[in-house]
Protein backbone atom coordinates (compact mmCIF):
# COMPACT_ATOMS: atom_id res chain seq x y z
CA MET A 1 17.77 12.08 13.02
CA SER A 2 21.47 11.50 13.53
CA GLU A 3 22.74 8.11 14.64
CA PRO A 4 25.44 8.22 17.38
CA ARG A 5 28.36 5.87 17.14
CA THR A 6 30.13 3.90 19.82
CA GLU A 7 33.90 3.94 20.23
CA ASP A 8 34.30 1.05 17.79
CA GLY A 9 32.32 2.92 15.13
CA GLU A 10 29.12 0.86 15.41
CA GLN A 11 25.91 2.79 14.77
CA ARG A 12 23.36 3.15 17.54
CA VAL A 13 19.88 4.66 17.26
CA VAL A 14 18.84 6.57 20.37
CA LEU A 15 15.12 5.97 20.91
CA PRO A 16 13.07 8.63 22.72
CA GLN A 17 10.52 7.96 25.43
CA PHE A 18 7.02 6.69 24.64
CA GLY A 19 5.48 10.05 23.70
CA GLY A 20 8.44 10.98 21.57
CA ARG A 21 8.38 7.65 19.76
CA TRP A 22 5.01 8.42 18.23
CA ARG A 23 6.34 11.73 16.94
CA LEU A 24 9.45 9.97 15.65
CA LEU A 25 7.32 7.30 13.96
CA LEU A 26 5.14 9.93 12.32
CA GLY A 27 8.22 11.77 11.13
CA MET A 28 9.66 8.58 9.64
CA VAL A 29 6.42 7.86 7.78
CA LEU A 30 6.21 11.40 6.39
CA ALA A 31 9.88 11.26 5.39
CA ASN A 32 9.12 8.10 3.39
CA ARG A 33 6.57 10.07 1.34
CA PRO A 34 3.82 7.42 1.16
CA TRP A 35 1.96 9.43 -1.49
CA LEU A 36 4.78 8.54 -3.92
CA LEU A 37 4.59 4.79 -3.26
CA VAL A 38 2.41 3.71 -6.17
CA PRO A 39 3.78 6.20 -8.76
CA GLY A 40 7.18 4.69 -7.94
CA LEU A 41 5.89 1.22 -8.86
CA LYS A 42 5.02 1.68 -12.52
CA SER A 43 4.08 -1.96 -13.16
CA ALA A 44 1.69 -1.91 -10.20
CA LEU A 45 0.14 1.34 -11.39
CA VAL A 46 -0.42 0.05 -14.92
CA ALA A 47 -1.89 -3.22 -13.61
CA ALA A 48 -4.26 -1.38 -11.27
CA LEU A 49 -5.50 1.00 -13.97
CA ALA A 50 -5.95 -1.82 -16.48
CA THR A 51 -7.81 -3.98 -13.96
CA GLY A 52 -10.14 -1.12 -13.08
CA ALA A 53 -10.86 -0.21 -16.69
CA VAL A 54 -11.69 -3.80 -17.69
CA ALA A 55 -13.66 -4.63 -14.54
CA THR A 56 -15.88 -1.56 -14.88
CA VAL A 57 -17.34 -2.78 -18.20
CA ASN A 58 -17.58 -6.44 -17.17
CA SER A 59 -21.17 -7.60 -16.67
CA THR A 60 -20.12 -10.25 -14.14
CA VAL A 61 -18.61 -7.49 -12.01
CA TRP A 62 -21.91 -5.62 -12.24
CA LEU A 63 -23.70 -8.66 -10.81
CA LEU A 64 -21.19 -9.04 -8.00
CA ALA A 65 -21.29 -5.36 -7.07
CA ASP A 66 -25.09 -5.37 -7.09
CA SER A 67 -25.22 -8.41 -4.77
CA LEU A 68 -22.79 -7.11 -2.13
CA SER A 69 -23.98 -5.40 1.03
CA TRP A 70 -22.12 -2.39 2.40
CA TRP A 71 -20.29 -4.40 5.07
CA ARG A 72 -19.00 -6.85 2.47
CA LEU A 73 -17.69 -3.90 0.47
CA VAL A 74 -15.93 -2.64 3.60
CA VAL A 75 -14.39 -6.07 4.15
CA ALA A 76 -13.28 -6.13 0.50
CA THR A 77 -11.65 -2.73 0.97
CA ILE A 78 -9.77 -3.73 4.12
CA GLY A 79 -8.82 -7.12 2.68
CA SER A 80 -7.48 -5.70 -0.58
CA ILE A 81 -5.34 -3.11 1.20
CA ALA A 82 -4.02 -5.66 3.72
CA LEU A 83 -3.25 -8.13 0.94
CA VAL A 84 -1.23 -5.61 -1.06
CA VAL A 85 0.66 -4.37 2.02
CA GLY A 86 1.53 -7.93 3.02
CA TRP A 87 2.62 -8.79 -0.50
CA LEU A 88 4.89 -5.74 -0.74
CA VAL A 89 6.51 -6.55 2.61
CA ILE A 90 7.17 -10.16 1.60
CA ASP A 91 8.09 -9.62 -2.05
CA GLY A 92 10.30 -6.62 -1.34
CA GLU A 93 11.86 -8.17 1.77
CA LEU A 94 11.01 -5.04 3.75
CA TRP A 95 10.76 -6.67 7.19
CA ASP A 96 13.63 -5.59 9.43
CA ARG A 97 15.20 -8.08 11.84
CA PRO A 98 17.12 -7.17 15.00
CA ASP A 99 20.91 -7.04 14.83
CA ASP A 100 21.10 -8.99 18.08
CA ASP A 101 18.97 -10.08 21.03
CA SER A 102 19.34 -6.84 22.95
CA PRO A 103 16.18 -4.90 23.92
CA GLN A 104 17.50 -1.86 22.02
CA ALA A 105 17.90 -3.85 18.78
CA ARG A 106 14.44 -5.37 19.10
CA GLU A 107 12.88 -1.99 19.83
CA ARG A 108 14.68 -0.44 16.87
CA SER A 109 13.39 -3.18 14.56
CA ARG A 110 9.86 -2.69 15.87
CA LEU A 111 10.14 1.01 15.10
CA TYR A 112 11.45 0.39 11.57
CA ASN A 113 8.76 -2.23 10.88
CA ALA A 114 6.00 -0.01 12.24
CA SER A 115 7.13 2.84 9.97
CA THR A 116 7.24 0.44 7.02
CA LEU A 117 3.72 -0.85 7.63
CA LEU A 118 2.27 2.63 8.18
CA THR A 119 4.02 3.95 5.08
CA LEU A 120 2.68 1.12 2.94
CA MET A 121 -0.82 1.34 4.41
CA ALA A 122 -0.96 5.09 3.79
CA GLY A 123 0.42 4.72 0.27
CA VAL A 124 -1.96 1.92 -0.70
CA LEU A 125 -4.93 3.77 0.86
CA ILE A 126 -4.09 6.87 -1.18
CA CYS A 127 -3.93 4.65 -4.25
CA TYR A 128 -7.30 3.12 -3.36
CA VAL A 129 -8.99 6.52 -3.12
CA ALA A 130 -7.43 7.62 -6.42
CA LEU A 131 -8.56 4.41 -8.12
CA TYR A 132 -12.08 4.90 -6.79
CA ALA A 133 -12.23 8.42 -8.24
CA LEU A 134 -10.83 7.31 -11.60
CA ASN A 135 -13.10 4.27 -11.86
CA LEU A 136 -16.12 6.37 -10.91
CA ALA A 137 -15.31 8.92 -13.62
CA TRP A 138 -14.80 6.09 -16.13
CA ALA A 139 -18.11 4.47 -15.13
CA PHE A 140 -20.05 7.73 -15.51
CA PHE A 141 -18.46 8.28 -18.92
CA ILE A 142 -18.87 4.79 -20.39
CA LEU A 143 -21.90 3.15 -18.72
CA ASP A 144 -25.59 3.72 -19.21
CA PRO A 145 -27.72 2.84 -16.14
CA ASP A 146 -30.55 1.65 -18.40
CA LEU A 147 -28.19 -0.85 -20.05
CA MET A 148 -27.04 -2.11 -16.67
CA GLY A 149 -30.62 -2.31 -15.43
CA GLY A 150 -31.64 -4.39 -18.43
CA TYR A 151 -28.84 -6.84 -17.76
CA LEU A 152 -29.51 -7.01 -14.02
CA ASN A 153 -33.31 -7.07 -14.45
CA ALA A 154 -33.59 -4.25 -11.94
CA ALA A 155 -34.01 -0.50 -11.86
CA VAL A 156 -30.55 1.03 -11.90
CA SER A 157 -29.68 4.69 -11.44
CA TYR A 158 -26.41 6.57 -11.45
CA ARG A 159 -26.25 5.99 -7.68
CA GLU A 160 -25.38 2.33 -8.32
CA LEU A 161 -22.27 3.46 -10.17
CA PHE A 162 -20.78 4.63 -6.87
CA VAL A 163 -21.14 1.10 -5.51
CA LEU A 164 -19.68 -0.37 -8.68
CA ALA A 165 -16.67 1.97 -8.49
CA TRP A 166 -16.17 0.98 -4.84
CA PHE A 167 -16.06 -2.72 -5.67
CA VAL A 168 -13.87 -2.18 -8.72
CA ALA A 169 -11.40 -0.14 -6.65
CA SER A 170 -10.85 -3.18 -4.42
CA ALA A 171 -10.29 -5.44 -7.42
CA ALA A 172 -7.97 -2.90 -9.06
CA THR A 173 -5.95 -2.56 -5.84
CA VAL A 174 -5.37 -6.31 -5.77
CA GLY A 175 -4.46 -6.18 -9.46
CA GLY A 176 -1.93 -3.48 -8.71
CA GLY A 177 -0.45 -5.59 -5.94
CA LEU A 178 0.00 -8.48 -8.34
CA GLY A 179 1.56 -6.11 -10.84
CA SER A 180 4.14 -5.09 -8.25
CA GLY A 181 5.53 -8.62 -8.54
CA LEU A 182 7.11 -7.49 -11.80
CA GLU A 183 9.18 -4.92 -9.92
CA THR A 184 12.63 -5.64 -8.52
CA ASP A 185 13.24 -5.67 -4.78
CA GLU A 186 15.32 -2.52 -5.19
CA ALA A 187 12.44 -0.73 -6.93
CA ILE A 188 10.02 -1.68 -4.17
CA ARG A 189 12.40 -0.48 -1.46
CA ALA A 190 13.04 2.75 -3.35
CA ALA A 191 9.28 3.36 -3.59
CA ALA A 192 8.64 2.49 0.07
CA TYR A 193 11.50 4.44 1.65
CA SER A 194 13.03 7.86 1.31
CA LYS A 195 16.61 7.90 0.07
CA ARG A 196 17.93 8.62 3.56
CA GLU A 197 15.92 5.81 5.13
CA GLU A 198 16.94 3.40 2.40
CA ASP A 199 20.63 4.24 2.88
CA ARG A 200 20.28 3.78 6.64
CA ARG A 201 18.73 0.35 6.27
CA GLU A 202 21.34 -0.71 3.74
CA ARG A 203 24.11 0.31 6.15
CA LEU A 204 22.51 -1.63 8.97
CA ALA A 205 22.06 -4.68 6.74
CA HIS A 206 25.70 -4.46 5.61
CA ASP A 207 26.89 -4.16 9.21
CA ARG A 208 24.74 -7.15 10.17
CA ASP A 209 26.14 -9.28 7.33
CA SER A 210 29.71 -8.26 8.16
CA SER A 211 29.43 -9.15 11.85
């Protein structure tokens, strides 16, 4: 999307009507390639994988997973994703602020922030699903249900491993979020935005600082 300029050279983003804004927002999110978010944050990826691998063979985690109902697991999923998204926004300074008090500037910032949040949510959700699959495969490979059942004093089948992998995926996602703290702000922005979007935001920030 090109950005028209006024006579003095200042950039202006022309926002479409309501229906078009949803299409524009979707296009911005897809352009940011959310599926590349976590691979772009190598420290976060390593931390998430390490957390998942260790948690899967931890007997305390077995007890916790066995005691949680399905709705608590859902809450853990939502909470872990929200926590990581919030941390990335704060740590990477990804929140856009209006250039001025005009309605156009505020609307533009809302659009940028919405695309940021949706990009991060999609990227972290993709990571969550991938971690679940990896942790499930690791659990099936390394754990014996009879051993778990003896520790938990209950009959355990391979079906319980799906619940364990679900809980571990939430813990590993939080671990990955903490690992992202080792990344620089530039690395987080590069992972969250496409090159074009990152350049656009840098230009806007430079114009805002120069004014």
